[in-house]
Amino acid sequence: MANVIYNLENTRFKVRLEEYPDYIFFFSSVFHQNKFLKGYKDFIENENNKFNSKYKLNFNLEDLMLLCWYRKCENRGFRVEYHNIELNDKLEILTFYKGLI
């Protein structure tokens, strides 16, 4: 079996996080998957805190930061499903569907 999958439609590397069960993240390699798993909690906390401190607001940006972290970790494409709906890499669709579901 290949260690790197260039087409994320064919990958066997996927993750559903216990804290975010509505999402499924697909990866091109176990390296990218492990990087994502190792760092997502710290990234979300740090970025959420930075935003809220800078703008003196109290927004919960966890979902957005989770997707931003995925984008930083997976450089061979973008494939994320939210409630079995595939999100695009521009993340506009997340705002739309989060409001409906």
N, C-alpha and C. Protein backbone atom coordinates (compact mmCIF):
# COMPACT_ATOMS: atom_id res chain seq x y z
N MET A 1 0.83 -1.19 0.00
CA MET A 1 0.00 0.00 0.00
C MET A 1 0.87 1.25 0.00
N ALA A 2 0.39 2.27 -0.68
CA ALA A 2 1.12 3.52 -0.76
C ALA A 2 1.08 4.26 0.57
N ASN A 3 2.19 4.92 0.88
CA ASN A 3 2.27 5.70 2.11
C ASN A 3 1.71 7.10 1.93
N VAL A 4 1.59 7.55 0.67
CA VAL A 4 1.06 8.87 0.36
C VAL A 4 -0.03 8.69 -0.70
N ILE A 5 -1.17 9.26 -0.44
CA ILE A 5 -2.29 9.22 -1.38
C ILE A 5 -2.49 10.63 -1.90
N TYR A 6 -2.32 10.83 -3.20
CA TYR A 6 -2.42 12.18 -3.76
C TYR A 6 -3.85 12.60 -4.06
N ASN A 7 -4.74 11.66 -4.22
CA ASN A 7 -6.15 11.97 -4.44
C ASN A 7 -6.91 11.65 -3.16
N LEU A 8 -7.36 12.68 -2.47
CA LEU A 8 -8.02 12.47 -1.18
C LEU A 8 -9.34 11.72 -1.29
N GLU A 9 -9.87 11.60 -2.49
CA GLU A 9 -11.07 10.78 -2.70
C GLU A 9 -10.77 9.30 -2.46
N ASN A 10 -9.51 8.92 -2.61
CA ASN A 10 -9.11 7.51 -2.50
C ASN A 10 -8.34 7.18 -1.22
N THR A 11 -8.29 8.09 -0.29
CA THR A 11 -7.45 7.89 0.88
C THR A 11 -8.07 6.95 1.90
N ARG A 12 -7.21 6.29 2.63
CA ARG A 12 -7.66 5.44 3.74
C ARG A 12 -7.38 6.13 5.08
N PHE A 13 -6.76 7.30 5.04
CA PHE A 13 -6.42 8.04 6.25
C PHE A 13 -7.54 9.05 6.55
N LYS A 14 -8.34 8.74 7.54
CA LYS A 14 -9.42 9.66 7.90
C LYS A 14 -9.64 9.64 9.41
N VAL A 15 -10.17 10.76 9.90
CA VAL A 15 -10.33 10.93 11.34
C VAL A 15 -11.67 11.59 11.64
N ARG A 16 -12.33 11.09 12.65
CA ARG A 16 -13.50 11.75 13.24
C ARG A 16 -13.14 11.97 14.71
N LEU A 17 -13.08 13.22 15.11
CA LEU A 17 -12.68 13.57 16.47
C LEU A 17 -13.86 13.43 17.43
N GLU A 18 -13.58 12.93 18.60
CA GLU A 18 -14.62 12.76 19.61
C GLU A 18 -15.26 14.10 19.99
N GLU A 19 -14.44 15.16 20.06
CA GLU A 19 -14.94 16.48 20.45
C GLU A 19 -15.73 17.17 19.34
N TYR A 20 -15.51 16.73 18.09
CA TYR A 20 -16.16 17.33 16.92
C TYR A 20 -16.71 16.21 16.03
N PRO A 21 -17.70 15.48 16.50
CA PRO A 21 -18.15 14.28 15.78
C PRO A 21 -18.86 14.56 14.45
N ASP A 22 -19.21 15.82 14.20
CA ASP A 22 -19.89 16.16 12.95
C ASP A 22 -18.94 16.22 11.76
N TYR A 23 -17.65 16.23 12.04
CA TYR A 23 -16.65 16.38 10.98
C TYR A 23 -15.91 15.07 10.73
N ILE A 24 -15.57 14.84 9.46
CA ILE A 24 -14.62 13.78 9.10
C ILE A 24 -13.53 14.46 8.28
N PHE A 25 -12.28 14.25 8.69
CA PHE A 25 -11.12 14.83 8.02
C PHE A 25 -10.37 13.74 7.27
N PHE A 26 -9.99 14.03 6.04
CA PHE A 26 -9.29 13.06 5.19
C PHE A 26 -7.87 13.55 4.95
N PHE A 27 -6.91 12.62 4.97
CA PHE A 27 -5.50 12.98 4.87
C PHE A 27 -4.81 12.18 3.78
N SER A 28 -3.74 12.76 3.27
CA SER A 28 -2.97 12.11 2.22
C SER A 28 -1.91 11.16 2.78
N SER A 29 -1.60 11.30 4.06
CA SER A 29 -0.59 10.43 4.66
C SER A 29 -0.81 10.33 6.16
N VAL A 30 -0.25 9.31 6.75
CA VAL A 30 -0.33 9.15 8.19
C VAL A 30 0.46 10.27 8.88
N PHE A 31 1.51 10.76 8.23
CA PHE A 31 2.28 11.88 8.79
C PHE A 31 1.39 13.11 8.98
N HIS A 32 0.64 13.48 7.94
CA HIS A 32 -0.25 14.64 8.03
C HIS A 32 -1.36 14.40 9.06
N GLN A 33 -1.87 13.19 9.09
CA GLN A 33 -2.92 12.84 10.05
C GLN A 33 -2.41 12.98 11.48
N ASN A 34 -1.22 12.47 11.74
CA ASN A 34 -0.65 12.54 13.09
C ASN A 34 -0.33 13.97 13.50
N LYS A 35 0.17 14.77 12.54
CA LYS A 35 0.45 16.18 12.82
C LYS A 35 -0.84 16.89 13.23
N PHE A 36 -1.91 16.62 12.51
CA PHE A 36 -3.22 17.21 12.81
C PHE A 36 -3.67 16.81 14.22
N LEU A 37 -3.62 15.52 14.51
CA LEU A 37 -4.08 15.02 15.80
C LEU A 37 -3.25 15.55 16.97
N LYS A 38 -1.97 15.69 16.73
CA LYS A 38 -1.07 16.14 17.80
C LYS A 38 -1.28 17.61 18.15
N GLY A 39 -1.66 18.44 17.18
CA GLY A 39 -1.66 19.87 17.43
C GLY A 39 -2.99 20.59 17.44
N TYR A 40 -4.08 19.92 17.12
CA TYR A 40 -5.33 20.67 16.94
C TYR A 40 -5.83 21.34 18.21
N LYS A 41 -5.71 20.72 19.35
CA LYS A 41 -6.23 21.30 20.60
C LYS A 41 -5.49 22.60 20.95
N ASP A 42 -4.17 22.56 20.89
CA ASP A 42 -3.39 23.77 21.20
C ASP A 42 -3.64 24.87 20.18
N PHE A 43 -3.71 24.50 18.91
CA PHE A 43 -3.95 25.50 17.88
C PHE A 43 -5.29 26.19 18.09
N ILE A 44 -6.33 25.43 18.33
CA ILE A 44 -7.66 26.01 18.53
C ILE A 44 -7.66 26.95 19.74
N GLU A 45 -7.10 26.49 20.83
CA GLU A 45 -7.07 27.31 22.04
C GLU A 45 -6.28 28.60 21.82
N ASN A 46 -5.10 28.48 21.24
CA ASN A 46 -4.24 29.66 21.03
C ASN A 46 -4.88 30.66 20.08
N GLU A 47 -5.40 30.19 18.96
CA GLU A 47 -5.98 31.10 17.97
C GLU A 47 -7.26 31.74 18.48
N ASN A 48 -8.07 30.97 19.17
CA ASN A 48 -9.30 31.51 19.75
C ASN A 48 -8.98 32.60 20.77
N ASN A 49 -7.99 32.34 21.62
CA ASN A 49 -7.58 33.32 22.63
C ASN A 49 -6.99 34.58 21.98
N LYS A 50 -6.17 34.41 20.96
CA LYS A 50 -5.58 35.56 20.27
C LYS A 50 -6.66 36.46 19.68
N PHE A 51 -7.60 35.85 19.00
CA PHE A 51 -8.68 36.62 18.37
C PHE A 51 -9.50 37.37 19.42
N ASN A 52 -9.91 36.67 20.45
CA ASN A 52 -10.75 37.28 21.47
C ASN A 52 -10.02 38.36 22.25
N SER A 53 -8.73 38.18 22.49
CA SER A 53 -7.93 39.21 23.17
C SER A 53 -7.75 40.44 22.30
N LYS A 54 -7.45 40.20 21.04
CA LYS A 54 -7.19 41.32 20.13
C LYS A 54 -8.43 42.18 19.93
N TYR A 55 -9.57 41.56 19.78
CA TYR A 55 -10.79 42.30 19.46
C TYR A 55 -11.71 42.51 20.67
N LYS A 56 -11.25 42.07 21.85
CA LYS A 56 -12.04 42.23 23.08
C LYS A 56 -13.45 41.66 22.93
N LEU A 57 -13.51 40.48 22.34
CA LEU A 57 -14.78 39.79 22.11
C LEU A 57 -14.73 38.42 22.78
N ASN A 58 -15.85 37.78 22.82
CA ASN A 58 -15.91 36.43 23.37
C ASN A 58 -16.63 35.50 22.39
N PHE A 59 -16.00 35.32 21.23
CA PHE A 59 -16.55 34.42 20.22
C PHE A 59 -15.95 33.04 20.38
N ASN A 60 -16.73 32.03 20.04
CA ASN A 60 -16.22 30.67 19.99
C ASN A 60 -15.93 30.36 18.53
N LEU A 61 -14.66 30.32 18.20
CA LEU A 61 -14.23 30.10 16.82
C LEU A 61 -13.65 28.70 16.63
N GLU A 62 -14.02 27.77 17.48
CA GLU A 62 -13.41 26.44 17.45
C GLU A 62 -13.55 25.75 16.09
N ASP A 63 -14.75 25.77 15.53
CA ASP A 63 -14.96 25.08 14.25
C ASP A 63 -14.09 25.68 13.16
N LEU A 64 -14.08 26.98 13.07
CA LEU A 64 -13.26 27.66 12.06
C LEU A 64 -11.78 27.37 12.27
N MET A 65 -11.32 27.43 13.51
CA MET A 65 -9.91 27.18 13.80
C MET A 65 -9.53 25.72 13.53
N LEU A 66 -10.46 24.81 13.77
CA LEU A 66 -10.22 23.40 13.47
C LEU A 66 -9.98 23.21 11.98
N LEU A 67 -10.79 23.87 11.17
CA LEU A 67 -10.62 23.78 9.72
C LEU A 67 -9.35 24.48 9.25
N CYS A 68 -9.00 25.58 9.89
CA CYS A 68 -7.75 26.26 9.55
C CYS A 68 -6.55 25.37 9.88
N TRP A 69 -6.61 24.68 11.01
CA TRP A 69 -5.52 23.77 11.38
C TRP A 69 -5.41 22.62 10.37
N TYR A 70 -6.55 22.09 9.96
CA TYR A 70 -6.52 21.04 8.93
C TYR A 70 -5.83 21.55 7.67
N ARG A 71 -6.18 22.74 7.26
CA ARG A 71 -5.58 23.32 6.05
C ARG A 71 -4.06 23.47 6.21
N LYS A 72 -3.61 23.81 7.42
CA LYS A 72 -2.17 23.94 7.67
C LYS A 72 -1.46 22.58 7.63
N CYS A 73 -2.15 21.54 8.06
CA CYS A 73 -1.52 20.21 8.15
C CYS A 73 -1.57 19.44 6.84
N GLU A 74 -2.65 19.55 6.11
CA GLU A 74 -2.83 18.76 4.88
C GLU A 74 -2.56 19.65 3.67
N ASN A 75 -1.42 19.45 3.04
CA ASN A 75 -1.03 20.31 1.91
C ASN A 75 -1.25 19.68 0.54
N ARG A 76 -1.88 18.54 0.48
CA ARG A 76 -2.11 17.88 -0.82
C ARG A 76 -3.58 17.94 -1.24
N GLY A 77 -4.34 18.81 -0.62
CA GLY A 77 -5.74 18.94 -0.97
C GLY A 77 -6.56 19.32 0.23
N PHE A 78 -7.86 19.31 0.03
CA PHE A 78 -8.78 19.65 1.12
C PHE A 78 -10.00 18.75 0.96
N ARG A 79 -10.22 17.91 1.97
CA ARG A 79 -11.42 17.09 1.98
C ARG A 79 -11.90 16.94 3.42
N VAL A 80 -13.01 17.59 3.70
CA VAL A 80 -13.64 17.54 5.02
C VAL A 80 -15.13 17.36 4.79
N GLU A 81 -15.73 16.47 5.55
CA GLU A 81 -17.18 16.31 5.50
C GLU A 81 -17.77 16.81 6.81
N TYR A 82 -18.88 17.51 6.70
CA TYR A 82 -19.63 18.02 7.84
C TYR A 82 -21.06 17.54 7.69
N HIS A 83 -21.51 16.70 8.60
CA HIS A 83 -22.85 16.09 8.47
C HIS A 83 -23.01 15.44 7.10
N ASN A 84 -21.99 14.73 6.65
CA ASN A 84 -21.98 14.04 5.35
C ASN A 84 -22.07 14.98 4.16
N ILE A 85 -21.79 16.24 4.36
CA ILE A 85 -21.74 17.22 3.27
C ILE A 85 -20.30 17.64 3.11
N GLU A 86 -19.77 17.53 1.90
CA GLU A 86 -18.38 17.89 1.68
C GLU A 86 -18.22 19.40 1.66
N LEU A 87 -17.30 19.88 2.49
CA LEU A 87 -17.01 21.31 2.55
C LEU A 87 -16.00 21.66 1.46
N ASN A 88 -16.06 22.89 0.98
CA ASN A 88 -15.03 23.30 0.03
C ASN A 88 -13.89 23.99 0.77
N ASP A 89 -12.79 24.22 0.10
CA ASP A 89 -11.62 24.77 0.77
C ASP A 89 -11.73 26.26 1.06
N LYS A 90 -12.79 26.90 0.61
CA LYS A 90 -12.99 28.31 0.92
C LYS A 90 -13.77 28.49 2.23
N LEU A 91 -14.32 27.43 2.74
CA LEU A 91 -15.01 27.38 4.02
C LEU A 91 -16.29 28.20 4.07
N GLU A 92 -16.75 28.73 2.93
CA GLU A 92 -17.99 29.50 2.94
C GLU A 92 -19.17 28.60 3.28
N ILE A 93 -19.12 27.39 2.80
CA ILE A 93 -20.25 26.49 2.97
C ILE A 93 -20.48 26.15 4.44
N LEU A 94 -19.43 26.20 5.25
CA LEU A 94 -19.58 25.91 6.67
C LEU A 94 -20.56 26.88 7.31
N THR A 95 -20.42 28.15 7.03
CA THR A 95 -21.31 29.15 7.61
C THR A 95 -22.75 28.87 7.23
N PHE A 96 -22.97 28.52 6.00
CA PHE A 96 -24.32 28.24 5.51
C PHE A 96 -24.90 27.02 6.24
N TYR A 97 -24.18 25.92 6.27
CA TYR A 97 -24.71 24.70 6.85
C TYR A 97 -24.80 24.75 8.36
N LYS A 98 -23.90 25.43 9.02
CA LYS A 98 -23.96 25.53 10.47
C LYS A 98 -25.26 26.22 10.88
N GLY A 99 -25.74 27.13 10.05
CA GLY A 99 -26.98 27.83 10.34
C GLY A 99 -28.21 26.97 10.13
N LEU A 100 -28.12 25.98 9.26
CA LEU A 100 -29.28 25.16 8.93
C LEU A 100 -29.42 23.92 9.79
N ILE A 101 -28.32 23.43 10.30
CA ILE A 101 -28.35 22.13 11.00
C ILE A 101 -28.47 22.33 12.50
